[in-house]
Amino acid sequence: MTVLTWSDDRVEQLKKLWEAGLSASQIAATLDVGVQAVREIAKRIDVALHADAVLGRARHHKAN
């Protein structure tokens, strides 16, 4: 098992990508990590990566 260390810069990058509207899988591909790694770090830093947040953002983007 490989242990991935998240630097402060990488965490900030995740936050910015999420705020830009990317999904967990898109963020994972951008950061070259697994989707579960994105979900775990998001949970630790209290970023809402769940269905309600995704659906709400999708509706917001369609309205704009």
N, C-alpha and C. Protein backbone atom coordinates (compact mmCIF):
# COMPACT_ATOMS: atom_id res chain seq x y z
N MET A 1 0.84 -1.18 0.00
CA MET A 1 0.00 0.00 0.00
C MET A 1 0.88 1.24 0.00
N THR A 2 0.55 2.19 -0.86
CA THR A 2 1.28 3.45 -0.94
C THR A 2 0.59 4.49 -0.09
N VAL A 3 1.36 5.21 0.71
CA VAL A 3 0.82 6.29 1.53
C VAL A 3 1.07 7.60 0.81
N LEU A 4 0.00 8.34 0.56
CA LEU A 4 0.10 9.61 -0.13
C LEU A 4 0.09 10.73 0.89
N THR A 5 1.05 11.60 0.81
CA THR A 5 1.11 12.75 1.70
C THR A 5 0.57 13.96 0.96
N TRP A 6 -0.34 14.66 1.60
CA TRP A 6 -0.95 15.84 1.00
C TRP A 6 -0.28 17.09 1.57
N SER A 7 0.41 17.82 0.73
CA SER A 7 1.02 19.08 1.16
C SER A 7 -0.08 20.15 1.24
N ASP A 8 0.23 21.23 1.90
CA ASP A 8 -0.73 22.34 1.99
C ASP A 8 -1.09 22.85 0.59
N ASP A 9 -0.11 22.91 -0.30
CA ASP A 9 -0.36 23.37 -1.67
C ASP A 9 -1.32 22.44 -2.39
N ARG A 10 -1.14 21.16 -2.20
CA ARG A 10 -1.99 20.17 -2.87
C ARG A 10 -3.43 20.24 -2.34
N VAL A 11 -3.57 20.44 -1.04
CA VAL A 11 -4.89 20.58 -0.43
C VAL A 11 -5.57 21.83 -0.99
N GLU A 12 -4.84 22.92 -1.11
CA GLU A 12 -5.39 24.15 -1.68
C GLU A 12 -5.81 23.93 -3.13
N GLN A 13 -5.02 23.17 -3.85
CA GLN A 13 -5.36 22.86 -5.24
C GLN A 13 -6.67 22.08 -5.30
N LEU A 14 -6.83 21.10 -4.41
CA LEU A 14 -8.08 20.34 -4.34
C LEU A 14 -9.25 21.28 -4.08
N LYS A 15 -9.11 22.17 -3.11
CA LYS A 15 -10.19 23.11 -2.77
C LYS A 15 -10.55 23.97 -3.97
N LYS A 16 -9.56 24.49 -4.67
CA LYS A 16 -9.82 25.35 -5.82
C LYS A 16 -10.51 24.59 -6.94
N LEU A 17 -10.10 23.36 -7.17
CA LEU A 17 -10.73 22.55 -8.21
C LEU A 17 -12.18 22.25 -7.85
N TRP A 18 -12.43 21.95 -6.58
CA TRP A 18 -13.80 21.69 -6.13
C TRP A 18 -14.66 22.94 -6.29
N GLU A 19 -14.11 24.09 -5.87
CA GLU A 19 -14.85 25.34 -5.98
C GLU A 19 -15.11 25.70 -7.45
N ALA A 20 -14.24 25.25 -8.34
CA ALA A 20 -14.41 25.50 -9.77
C ALA A 20 -15.47 24.59 -10.38
N GLY A 21 -15.96 23.63 -9.61
CA GLY A 21 -17.05 22.79 -10.06
C GLY A 21 -16.66 21.41 -10.54
N LEU A 22 -15.39 21.01 -10.37
CA LEU A 22 -14.97 19.69 -10.80
C LEU A 22 -15.50 18.62 -9.84
N SER A 23 -15.78 17.45 -10.37
CA SER A 23 -16.22 16.33 -9.55
C SER A 23 -15.01 15.68 -8.88
N ALA A 24 -15.29 14.79 -7.94
CA ALA A 24 -14.21 14.08 -7.25
C ALA A 24 -13.36 13.30 -8.25
N SER A 25 -14.00 12.68 -9.24
CA SER A 25 -13.23 11.90 -10.22
C SER A 25 -12.40 12.81 -11.13
N GLN A 26 -12.91 13.98 -11.47
CA GLN A 26 -12.14 14.93 -12.27
C GLN A 26 -10.95 15.47 -11.48
N ILE A 27 -11.17 15.75 -10.21
CA ILE A 27 -10.08 16.23 -9.35
C ILE A 27 -9.02 15.14 -9.23
N ALA A 28 -9.46 13.92 -9.04
CA ALA A 28 -8.52 12.79 -8.92
C ALA A 28 -7.66 12.68 -10.17
N ALA A 29 -8.28 12.79 -11.33
CA ALA A 29 -7.54 12.71 -12.59
C ALA A 29 -6.55 13.87 -12.72
N THR A 30 -6.97 15.06 -12.34
CA THR A 30 -6.11 16.24 -12.42
C THR A 30 -4.91 16.12 -11.50
N LEU A 31 -5.15 15.61 -10.28
CA LEU A 31 -4.08 15.51 -9.28
C LEU A 31 -3.33 14.18 -9.38
N ASP A 32 -3.75 13.31 -10.29
CA ASP A 32 -3.13 12.00 -10.49
C ASP A 32 -3.15 11.15 -9.22
N VAL A 33 -4.35 11.10 -8.61
CA VAL A 33 -4.58 10.26 -7.43
C VAL A 33 -5.90 9.53 -7.63
N GLY A 34 -6.20 8.63 -6.73
CA GLY A 34 -7.47 7.91 -6.81
C GLY A 34 -8.62 8.74 -6.28
N VAL A 35 -9.80 8.39 -6.73
CA VAL A 35 -11.00 9.10 -6.29
C VAL A 35 -11.17 8.99 -4.78
N GLN A 36 -10.89 7.80 -4.24
CA GLN A 36 -11.03 7.62 -2.79
C GLN A 36 -10.07 8.52 -2.02
N ALA A 37 -8.88 8.75 -2.55
CA ALA A 37 -7.93 9.65 -1.89
C ALA A 37 -8.50 11.06 -1.84
N VAL A 38 -9.13 11.49 -2.92
CA VAL A 38 -9.76 12.82 -2.95
C VAL A 38 -10.88 12.89 -1.92
N ARG A 39 -11.70 11.85 -1.87
CA ARG A 39 -12.81 11.84 -0.91
C ARG A 39 -12.32 11.86 0.53
N GLU A 40 -11.28 11.09 0.80
CA GLU A 40 -10.75 11.04 2.18
C GLU A 40 -10.18 12.38 2.62
N ILE A 41 -9.38 13.01 1.78
CA ILE A 41 -8.80 14.30 2.18
C ILE A 41 -9.88 15.36 2.26
N ALA A 42 -10.86 15.29 1.37
CA ALA A 42 -11.97 16.25 1.42
C ALA A 42 -12.73 16.11 2.74
N LYS A 43 -12.92 14.88 3.16
CA LYS A 43 -13.60 14.63 4.43
C LYS A 43 -12.80 15.22 5.59
N ARG A 44 -11.49 15.06 5.54
CA ARG A 44 -10.62 15.58 6.61
C ARG A 44 -10.61 17.10 6.67
N ILE A 45 -10.73 17.73 5.51
CA ILE A 45 -10.69 19.20 5.50
C ILE A 45 -12.10 19.79 5.44
N ASP A 46 -13.11 18.92 5.56
CA ASP A 46 -14.51 19.32 5.65
C ASP A 46 -15.01 19.99 4.37
N VAL A 47 -14.65 19.42 3.23
CA VAL A 47 -15.21 19.84 1.95
C VAL A 47 -16.32 18.87 1.62
N ALA A 48 -17.48 19.39 1.27
CA ALA A 48 -18.64 18.54 1.03
C ALA A 48 -18.57 17.88 -0.34
N LEU A 49 -18.09 16.65 -0.38
CA LEU A 49 -18.07 15.87 -1.61
C LEU A 49 -19.15 14.81 -1.50
N HIS A 50 -20.37 15.20 -1.63
CA HIS A 50 -21.46 14.24 -1.55
C HIS A 50 -22.51 14.55 -2.60
N ALA A 51 -23.45 13.67 -2.78
CA ALA A 51 -24.43 13.78 -3.86
C ALA A 51 -25.20 15.09 -3.82
N ASP A 52 -25.63 15.53 -2.64
CA ASP A 52 -26.41 16.77 -2.55
C ASP A 52 -25.60 17.97 -3.05
N ALA A 53 -24.34 18.03 -2.70
CA ALA A 53 -23.50 19.14 -3.16
C ALA A 53 -23.31 19.08 -4.67
N VAL A 54 -23.10 17.90 -5.19
CA VAL A 54 -22.92 17.74 -6.63
C VAL A 54 -24.19 18.13 -7.37
N LEU A 55 -25.34 17.66 -6.90
CA LEU A 55 -26.60 17.99 -7.56
C LEU A 55 -26.88 19.48 -7.48
N GLY A 56 -26.62 20.08 -6.34
CA GLY A 56 -26.83 21.52 -6.20
C GLY A 56 -25.96 22.32 -7.13
N ARG A 57 -24.70 21.92 -7.28
CA ARG A 57 -23.80 22.62 -8.18
C ARG A 57 -24.21 22.43 -9.61
N ALA A 58 -24.66 21.23 -9.95
CA ALA A 58 -25.09 20.97 -11.33
C ALA A 58 -26.29 21.84 -11.69
N ARG A 59 -27.21 21.98 -10.78
CA ARG A 59 -28.38 22.85 -11.03
C ARG A 59 -27.94 24.29 -11.17
N HIS A 60 -27.00 24.72 -10.34
CA HIS A 60 -26.49 26.10 -10.38
C HIS A 60 -25.82 26.38 -11.72
N HIS A 61 -25.00 25.45 -12.19
CA HIS A 61 -24.29 25.64 -13.46
C HIS A 61 -25.25 25.65 -14.64
N LYS A 62 -26.31 24.84 -14.60
CA LYS A 62 -27.28 24.82 -15.68
C LYS A 62 -28.07 26.13 -15.72
N ALA A 63 -28.31 26.72 -14.56
CA ALA A 63 -29.08 27.95 -14.49
C ALA A 63 -28.29 29.14 -15.02
N ASN A 64 -26.97 29.05 -14.96
CA ASN A 64 -26.14 30.18 -15.38
C ASN A 64 -25.81 30.10 -16.82
